[in-house]
PDB file of N, CA and C in Angstrom:
ATOM      1  N   MET A   1     162.847 147.605  88.549  1.00  0.00           N
ATOM      2  CA  MET A   1     162.333 146.128  88.921  1.00  0.00           C
ATOM      3  C   MET A   1     163.466 145.449  89.225  1.00  0.00           C
ATOM      4  N   PHE A   2     163.345 144.698  90.324  1.00  0.00           N
ATOM      5  CA  PHE A   2     164.668 143.843  90.718  1.00  0.00           C
ATOM      6  C   PHE A   2     163.873 142.430  90.832  1.00  0.00           C
ATOM      7  N   PHE A   3     164.383 141.589  90.194  1.00  0.00           N
ATOM      8  CA  PHE A   3     164.094 140.114  90.144  1.00  0.00           C
ATOM      9  C   PHE A   3     164.624 139.456  91.071  1.00  0.00           C
ATOM     10  N   LYS A   4     163.909 138.869  91.850  1.00  0.00           N
ATOM     11  CA  LYS A   4     164.428 137.855  93.174  1.00  0.00           C
ATOM     12  C   LYS A   4     164.636 136.443  92.877  1.00  0.00           C
ATOM     13  N   ALA A   5     163.418 136.113  91.920  1.00  0.00           N
ATOM     14  CA  ALA A   5     163.484 134.631  91.352  1.00  0.00           C
ATOM     15  C   ALA A   5     162.769 134.595  89.988  1.00  0.00           C
ATOM     16  N   THR A   6     163.554 134.130  89.041  1.00  0.00           N
ATOM     17  CA  THR A   6     163.007 134.120  87.720  1.00  0.00           C
ATOM     18  C   THR A   6     162.326 132.603  87.500  1.00  0.00           C
ATOM     19  N   ALA A   7     161.628 132.610  86.454  1.00  0.00           N
ATOM     20  CA  ALA A   7     161.097 131.354  85.701  1.00  0.00           C
ATOM     21  C   ALA A   7     162.228 130.247  85.481  1.00  0.00           C
ATOM     22  N   ALA A   8     163.357 130.732  84.986  1.00  0.00           N
ATOM     23  CA  ALA A   8     164.473 129.958  84.756  1.00  0.00           C
ATOM     24  C   ALA A   8     165.022 129.252  86.201  1.00  0.00           C
ATOM     25  N   ASP A   9     164.739 130.192  87.368  1.00  0.00           N
ATOM     26  CA  ASP A   9     165.306 129.733  88.465  1.00  0.00           C
ATOM     27  C   ASP A   9     164.730 128.625  89.467  1.00  0.00           C
ATOM     28  N   THR A  10     163.175 128.591  88.983  1.00  0.00           N
ATOM     29  CA  THR A  10     162.397 127.888  89.552  1.00  0.00           C
ATOM     30  C   THR A  10     161.605 126.927  88.698  1.00  0.00           C
ATOM     31  N   GLN A  11     162.321 126.454  87.690  1.00  0.00           N
ATOM     32  CA  GLN A  11     161.620 125.463  86.819  1.00  0.00           C
ATOM     33  C   GLN A  11     160.344 125.926  86.349  1.00  0.00           C
ATOM     34  N   GLY A  12     160.185 127.269  86.252  1.00  0.00           N
ATOM     35  CA  GLY A  12     158.829 127.903  85.701  1.00  0.00           C
ATOM     36  C   GLY A  12     157.758 127.996  86.433  1.00  0.00           C
ATOM     37  N   ARG A  13     157.802 127.606  87.665  1.00  0.00           N
ATOM     38  CA  ARG A  13     156.933 127.714  88.728  1.00  0.00           C
ATOM     39  C   ARG A  13     156.642 128.945  89.614  1.00  0.00           C
ATOM     40  N   LEU A  14     157.600 129.801  89.350  1.00  0.00           N
ATOM     41  CA  LEU A  14     157.582 131.197  90.207  1.00  0.00           C
ATOM     42  C   LEU A  14     158.419 132.116  89.551  1.00  0.00           C
ATOM     43  N   SER A  15     157.853 133.579  89.497  1.00  0.00           N
ATOM     44  CA  SER A  15     158.883 134.677  89.211  1.00  0.00           C
ATOM     45  C   SER A  15     158.379 135.557  90.305  1.00  0.00           C
ATOM     46  N   LEU A  16     159.606 136.217  90.983  1.00  0.00           N
ATOM     47  CA  LEU A  16     159.392 137.084  92.157  1.00  0.00           C
ATOM     48  C   LEU A  16     160.333 138.329  92.002  1.00  0.00           C
ATOM     49  N   MET A  17     159.417 139.545  91.997  1.00  0.00           N
ATOM     50  CA  MET A  17     160.153 140.727  91.716  1.00  0.00           C
ATOM     51  C   MET A  17     159.652 142.017  92.651  1.00  0.00           C
ATOM     52  N   GLU A  18     160.687 142.603  92.934  1.00  0.00           N
ATOM     53  CA  GLU A  18     160.310 143.819  93.701  1.00  0.00           C
ATOM     54  C   GLU A  18     160.442 145.154  92.852  1.00  0.00           C
ATOM     55  N   ARG A  19     159.173 145.811  92.929  1.00  0.00           N
ATOM     56  CA  ARG A  19     159.058 146.948  91.933  1.00  0.00           C
ATOM     57  C   ARG A  19     158.459 148.270  92.928  1.00  0.00           C
ATOM     58  N   THR A  20     159.066 149.233  92.663  1.00  0.00           N
ATOM     59  CA  THR A  20     158.584 150.623  93.383  1.00  0.00           C
ATOM     60  C   THR A  20     157.794 151.228  92.225  1.00  0.00           C
ATOM     61  N   LEU A  21     156.599 151.513  92.672  1.00  0.00           N
ATOM     62  CA  LEU A  21     155.697 152.431  91.812  1.00  0.00           C
ATOM     63  C   LEU A  21     155.451 153.530  92.284  1.00  0.00           C
ATOM     64  N   PRO A  22     155.671 154.771  91.568  1.00  0.00           N
ATOM     65  CA  PRO A  22     155.355 156.069  92.141  1.00  0.00           C
ATOM     66  C   PRO A  22     154.089 156.328  92.040  1.00  0.00           C
ATOM     67  N   PRO A  23     153.570 157.161  92.775  1.00  0.00           N
ATOM     68  CA  PRO A  23     152.052 157.762  92.722  1.00  0.00           C
ATOM     69  C   PRO A  23     151.820 158.195  91.280  1.00  0.00           C
ATOM     70  N   GLY A  24     150.685 157.806  90.724  1.00  0.00           N
ATOM     71  CA  GLY A  24     150.392 157.907  89.160  1.00  0.00           C
ATOM     72  C   GLY A  24     151.165 157.514  88.533  1.00  0.00           C
ATOM     73  N   GLY A  25     152.008 156.456  88.473  1.00  0.00           N
ATOM     74  CA  GLY A  25     152.873 155.914  87.675  1.00  0.00           C
ATOM     75  C   GLY A  25     152.210 154.921  86.580  1.00  0.00           C
ATOM     76  N   ARG A  26     152.726 154.745  85.334  1.00  0.00           N
ATOM     77  CA  ARG A  26     152.122 154.180  84.373  1.00  0.00           C
ATOM     78  C   ARG A  26     152.071 152.638  84.920  1.00  0.00           C
ATOM     79  N   MET A  27     151.102 151.978  84.572  1.00  0.00           N
ATOM     80  CA  MET A  27     150.669 150.463  84.902  1.00  0.00           C
ATOM     81  C   MET A  27     150.270 149.832  83.616  1.00  0.00           C
ATOM     82  N   PRO A  28     150.504 148.663  83.486  1.00  0.00           N
ATOM     83  CA  PRO A  28     149.780 147.772  82.036  1.00  0.00           C
ATOM     84  C   PRO A  28     148.520 147.833  82.419  1.00  0.00           C
ATOM     85  N   PRO A  29     147.726 147.555  81.177  1.00  0.00           N
ATOM     86  CA  PRO A  29     146.310 147.394  81.390  1.00  0.00           C
ATOM     87  C   PRO A  29     146.038 145.923  82.210  1.00  0.00           C
ATOM     88  N   ALA A  30     144.870 146.158  82.987  1.00  0.00           N
ATOM     89  CA  ALA A  30     144.584 144.797  83.866  1.00  0.00           C
ATOM     90  C   ALA A  30     144.532 143.511  82.986  1.00  0.00           C
ATOM     91  N   PRO A  31     145.123 142.687  83.257  1.00  0.00           N
ATOM     92  CA  PRO A  31     145.047 141.289  82.537  1.00  0.00           C
ATOM     93  C   PRO A  31     144.056 140.370  83.354  1.00  0.00           C
ATOM     94  N   ARG A  32     143.747 139.301  82.438  1.00  0.00           N
ATOM     95  CA  ARG A  32     142.995 138.268  82.972  1.00  0.00           C
ATOM     96  C   ARG A  32     143.980 136.950  82.830  1.00  0.00           C
ATOM     97  N   HIS A  33     144.144 136.284  83.811  1.00  0.00           N
ATOM     98  CA  HIS A  33     145.412 135.337  83.804  1.00  0.00           C
ATOM     99  C   HIS A  33     144.748 133.925  83.638  1.00  0.00           C
ATOM    100  N   VAL A  34     145.182 133.201  82.664  1.00  0.00           N
ATOM    101  CA  VAL A  34     144.859 132.020  82.162  1.00  0.00           C
ATOM    102  C   VAL A  34     145.710 130.982  82.457  1.00  0.00           C
ATOM    103  N   GLY A  35     145.520 130.039  83.389  1.00  0.00           N
ATOM    104  CA  GLY A  35     146.815 128.989  83.552  1.00  0.00           C
ATOM    105  C   GLY A  35     148.021 129.598  84.597  1.00  0.00           C
ATOM    106  N   ASN A  36     147.698 130.702  85.172  1.00  0.00           N
ATOM    107  CA  ASN A  36     148.445 130.985  86.303  1.00  0.00           C
ATOM    108  C   ASN A  36     147.864 132.130  87.103  1.00  0.00           C
ATOM    109  N   ASP A  37     148.374 132.332  88.306  1.00  0.00           N
ATOM    110  CA  ASP A  37     148.035 133.134  89.279  1.00  0.00           C
ATOM    111  C   ASP A  37     148.990 134.251  89.363  1.00  0.00           C
ATOM    112  N   GLU A  38     148.605 135.525  90.250  1.00  0.00           N
ATOM    113  CA  GLU A  38     149.313 136.530  90.307  1.00  0.00           C
ATOM    114  C   GLU A  38     148.989 137.220  91.594  1.00  0.00           C
ATOM    115  N   ALA A  39     150.077 137.587  92.507  1.00  0.00           N
ATOM    116  CA  ALA A  39     149.657 138.059  93.823  1.00  0.00           C
ATOM    117  C   ALA A  39     150.697 139.221  93.985  1.00  0.00           C
ATOM    118  N   TYR A  40     150.194 140.093  95.160  1.00  0.00           N
ATOM    119  CA  TYR A  40     151.035 141.399  95.337  1.00  0.00           C
ATOM    120  C   TYR A  40     151.204 141.272  96.717  1.00  0.00           C
ATOM    121  N   PHE A  41     152.409 141.583  97.228  1.00  0.00           N
ATOM    122  CA  PHE A  41     152.839 142.181  98.564  1.00  0.00           C
ATOM    123  C   PHE A  41     153.093 143.680  98.677  1.00  0.00           C
ATOM    124  N   VAL A  42     152.244 144.393  98.992  1.00  0.00           N
ATOM    125  CA  VAL A  42     152.507 145.834  99.234  1.00  0.00           C
ATOM    126  C   VAL A  42     152.863 146.297 100.518  1.00  0.00           C
ATOM    127  N   LEU A  43     153.991 147.207 100.506  1.00  0.00           N
ATOM    128  CA  LEU A  43     154.617 147.662 101.765  1.00  0.00           C
ATOM    129  C   LEU A  43     153.890 149.135 101.891  1.00  0.00           C
ATOM    130  N   HIS A  44     153.267 149.529 102.922  1.00  0.00           N
ATOM    131  CA  HIS A  44     152.619 150.800 103.022  1.00  0.00           C
ATOM    132  C   HIS A  44     153.020 151.397 104.073  1.00  0.00           C
ATOM    133  N   ALA A  45     153.598 152.853 104.123  1.00  0.00           N
ATOM    134  CA  ALA A  45     153.899 153.785 105.111  1.00  0.00           C
ATOM    135  C   ALA A  45     153.347 154.910 104.967  1.00  0.00           C
ATOM    136  N   PRO A  46     152.492 155.550 105.694  1.00  0.00           N
ATOM    137  CA  PRO A  46     152.527 155.130 106.967  1.00  0.00           C
ATOM    138  C   PRO A  46     151.469 153.911 107.176  1.00  0.00           C
ATOM    139  N   GLY A  47     151.381 153.278 108.337  1.00  0.00           N
ATOM    140  CA  GLY A  47     150.595 152.016 108.240  1.00  0.00           C
ATOM    141  C   GLY A  47     149.162 152.465 108.218  1.00  0.00           C
ATOM    142  N   LEU A  48     148.613 151.444 107.343  1.00  0.00           N
ATOM    143  CA  LEU A  48     147.095 151.622 106.733  1.00  0.00           C
ATOM    144  C   LEU A  48     146.460 150.312 107.282  1.00  0.00           C
ATOM    145  N   ASP A  49     146.548 149.918 108.434  1.00  0.00           N
ATOM    146  CA  ASP A  49     145.762 148.609 108.780  1.00  0.00           C
ATOM    147  C   ASP A  49     144.439 148.927 109.115  1.00  0.00           C
ATOM    148  N   GLY A  50     144.011 149.944 109.557  1.00  0.00           N
ATOM    149  CA  GLY A  50     142.777 150.595 109.788  1.00  0.00           C
ATOM    150  C   GLY A  50     141.874 150.528 108.486  1.00  0.00           C
ATOM    151  N   TYR A  51     142.586 151.107 107.622  1.00  0.00           N
ATOM    152  CA  TYR A  51     142.015 151.055 106.307  1.00  0.00           C
ATOM    153  C   TYR A  51     141.688 149.757 105.557  1.00  0.00           C
ATOM    154  N   PHE A  52     142.574 148.708 105.736  1.00  0.00           N
ATOM    155  CA  PHE A  52     142.537 147.457 105.137  1.00  0.00           C
ATOM    156  C   PHE A  52     141.347 146.601 105.885  1.00  0.00           C
ATOM    157  N   ALA A  53     141.557 146.915 107.079  1.00  0.00           N
ATOM    158  CA  ALA A  53     140.419 146.195 108.135  1.00  0.00           C
ATOM    159  C   ALA A  53     138.927 146.817 107.753  1.00  0.00           C
ATOM    160  N   ASP A  54     138.888 147.987 107.512  1.00  0.00           N
ATOM    161  CA  ASP A  54     137.657 148.805 107.114  1.00  0.00           C
ATOM    162  C   ASP A  54     137.403 148.205 105.642  1.00  0.00           C
ATOM    163  N   LEU A  55     138.162 148.277 104.746  1.00  0.00           N
ATOM    164  CA  LEU A  55     138.229 147.745 103.523  1.00  0.00           C
ATOM    165  C   LEU A  55     137.433 146.203 103.431  1.00  0.00           C
ATOM    166  N   GLU A  56     138.061 145.317 104.156  1.00  0.00           N
ATOM    167  CA  GLU A  56     137.839 143.946 104.207  1.00  0.00           C
ATOM    168  C   GLU A  56     136.254 143.795 104.791  1.00  0.00           C
ATOM    169  N   THR A  57     135.870 144.720 105.788  1.00  0.00           N
ATOM    170  CA  THR A  57     134.449 144.674 106.081  1.00  0.00           C
ATOM    171  C   THR A  57     133.336 145.091 105.062  1.00  0.00           C
ATOM    172  N   LEU A  58     133.949 146.167 104.228  1.00  0.00           N
ATOM    173  CA  LEU A  58     133.016 146.338 103.172  1.00  0.00           C
ATOM    174  C   LEU A  58     132.870 145.295 102.285  1.00  0.00           C
ATOM    175  N   TRP A  59     134.059 144.635 101.832  1.00  0.00           N
ATOM    176  CA  TRP A  59     134.086 143.763 100.785  1.00  0.00           C
ATOM    177  C   TRP A  59     133.409 142.636 101.159  1.00  0.00           C
ATOM    178  N   ALA A  60     133.151 142.168 102.540  1.00  0.00           N
ATOM    179  CA  ALA A  60     132.721 141.094 103.117  1.00  0.00           C
ATOM    180  C   ALA A  60     131.019 141.075 103.225  1.00  0.00           C
ATOM    181  N   SER A  61     130.656 142.276 102.880  1.00  0.00           N
ATOM    182  CA  SER A  61     129.089 142.320 102.660  1.00  0.00           C
ATOM    183  C   SER A  61     128.532 141.421 101.382  1.00  0.00           C
ATOM    184  N   PRO A  62     127.270 140.901 101.702  1.00  0.00           N
ATOM    185  CA  PRO A  62     126.914 140.113 100.691  1.00  0.00           C
ATOM    186  C   PRO A  62     126.604 140.805  99.217  1.00  0.00           C
ATOM    187  N   ASP A  63     126.544 142.290  99.518  1.00  0.00           N
ATOM    188  CA  ASP A  63     126.626 143.048  98.237  1.00  0.00           C
ATOM    189  C   ASP A  63     127.674 143.944  98.140  1.00  0.00           C
ATOM    190  N   PRO A  64     128.385 143.898  96.980  1.00  0.00           N
ATOM    191  CA  PRO A  64     129.532 144.722  96.742  1.00  0.00           C
ATOM    192  C   PRO A  64     129.265 146.090  96.903  1.00  0.00           C
ATOM    193  N   PRO A  65     130.295 146.861  97.609  1.00  0.00           N
ATOM    194  CA  PRO A  65     130.024 148.451  98.092  1.00  0.00           C
ATOM    195  C   PRO A  65     130.044 149.128  96.630  1.00  0.00           C
ATOM    196  N   ASP A  66     129.359 150.353  96.580  1.00  0.00           N
ATOM    197  CA  ASP A  66     129.311 151.188  95.425  1.00  0.00           C
ATOM    198  C   ASP A  66     130.915 151.886  95.514  1.00  0.00           C
ATOM    199  N   ARG A  67     131.217 152.377  94.446  1.00  0.00           N
ATOM    200  CA  ARG A  67     132.518 153.084  94.248  1.00  0.00           C
ATOM    201  C   ARG A  67     132.636 154.282  95.179  1.00  0.00           C
ATOM    202  N   ASP A  68     131.418 155.024  95.287  1.00  0.00           N
ATOM    203  CA  ASP A  68     131.599 156.384  96.240  1.00  0.00           C
ATOM    204  C   ASP A  68     131.732 155.948  97.549  1.00  0.00           C
ATOM    205  N   THR A  69     131.269 154.680  98.131  1.00  0.00           N
ATOM    206  CA  THR A  69     131.542 154.318  99.694  1.00  0.00           C
ATOM    207  C   THR A  69     133.126 153.830  99.655  1.00  0.00           C
ATOM    208  N   GLU A  70     133.694 153.285  98.555  1.00  0.00           N
ATOM    209  CA  GLU A  70     134.956 152.948  98.735  1.00  0.00           C
ATOM    210  C   GLU A  70     135.945 154.014  98.595  1.00  0.00           C
ATOM    211  N   LEU A  71     135.276 155.178  97.912  1.00  0.00           N
ATOM    212  CA  LEU A  71     136.205 156.111  97.749  1.00  0.00           C
ATOM    213  C   LEU A  71     136.172 157.017  99.037  1.00  0.00           C
ATOM    214  N   ALA A  72     135.089 157.121  99.825  1.00  0.00           N
ATOM    215  CA  ALA A  72     134.889 157.865 100.895  1.00  0.00           C
ATOM    216  C   ALA A  72     135.916 157.179 102.007  1.00  0.00           C
ATOM    217  N   LEU A  73     135.856 155.991 101.997  1.00  0.00           N
ATOM    218  CA  LEU A  73     136.659 155.339 102.674  1.00  0.00           C
ATOM    219  C   LEU A  73     138.321 155.551 102.609  1.00  0.00           C
ATOM    220  N   MET A  74     138.830 155.727 101.326  1.00  0.00           N
ATOM    221  CA  MET A  74     140.101 155.987 100.968  1.00  0.00           C
ATOM    222  C   MET A  74     140.381 157.482 101.426  1.00  0.00           C
ATOM    223  N   GLU A  75     139.389 158.204 101.313  1.00  0.00           N
ATOM    224  CA  GLU A  75     139.555 159.883 101.708  1.00  0.00           C
ATOM    225  C   GLU A  75     139.789 159.638 103.194  1.00  0.00           C
ATOM    226  N   ARG A  76     138.899 158.960 103.925  1.00  0.00           N
ATOM    227  CA  ARG A  76     138.869 158.973 105.507  1.00  0.00           C
ATOM    228  C   ARG A  76     140.269 158.679 105.990  1.00  0.00           C
ATOM    229  N   TYR A  77     140.989 157.802 105.220  1.00  0.00           N
ATOM    230  CA  TYR A  77     142.394 157.525 105.708  1.00  0.00           C
ATOM    231  C   TYR A  77     143.336 158.141 104.954  1.00  0.00           C
ATOM    232  N   GLY A  78     143.089 159.402 104.391  1.00  0.00           N
ATOM    233  CA  GLY A  78     143.929 160.269 103.903  1.00  0.00           C
ATOM    234  C   GLY A  78     144.669 160.156 102.564  1.00  0.00           C
ATOM    235  N   MET A  79     143.866 159.484 101.735  1.00  0.00           N
ATOM    236  CA  MET A  79     144.317 158.918 100.304  1.00  0.00           C
ATOM    237  C   MET A  79     143.353 159.849  99.328  1.00  0.00           C
ATOM    238  N   ASP A  80     144.239 160.264  98.370  1.00  0.00           N
ATOM    239  CA  ASP A  80     143.398 160.948  97.312  1.00  0.00           C
ATOM    240  C   ASP A  80     143.222 159.915  96.072  1.00  0.00           C
ATOM    241  N   PRO A  81     142.022 159.473  96.039  1.00  0.00           N
ATOM    242  CA  PRO A  81     141.562 158.576  95.056  1.00  0.00           C
ATOM    243  C   PRO A  81     142.030 159.055  93.627  1.00  0.00           C
ATOM    244  N   ALA A  82     142.505 158.103  92.982  1.00  0.00           N
ATOM    245  CA  ALA A  82     142.618 158.388  91.481  1.00  0.00           C
ATOM    246  C   ALA A  82     141.646 158.473  90.637  1.00  0.00           C
TER     247      ALA A  82
END
């Protein structure tokens, strides 16, 4: 993990880090943030803009898609769902 900006550098307003996660790598449990926000910037190779466009279409529906539909979309774009 490479820290590009820390809370000490930004008067506590922002932390920015770069991290490479290997496939299947360990991640912490999903947290709920109270009093702050979290965002991700993900670099994809190869390009998966078609996948994300289709995913956005699924998520824009008034009813959330079921897991099987999301998994089928991942498989269609060559991903092996975990």
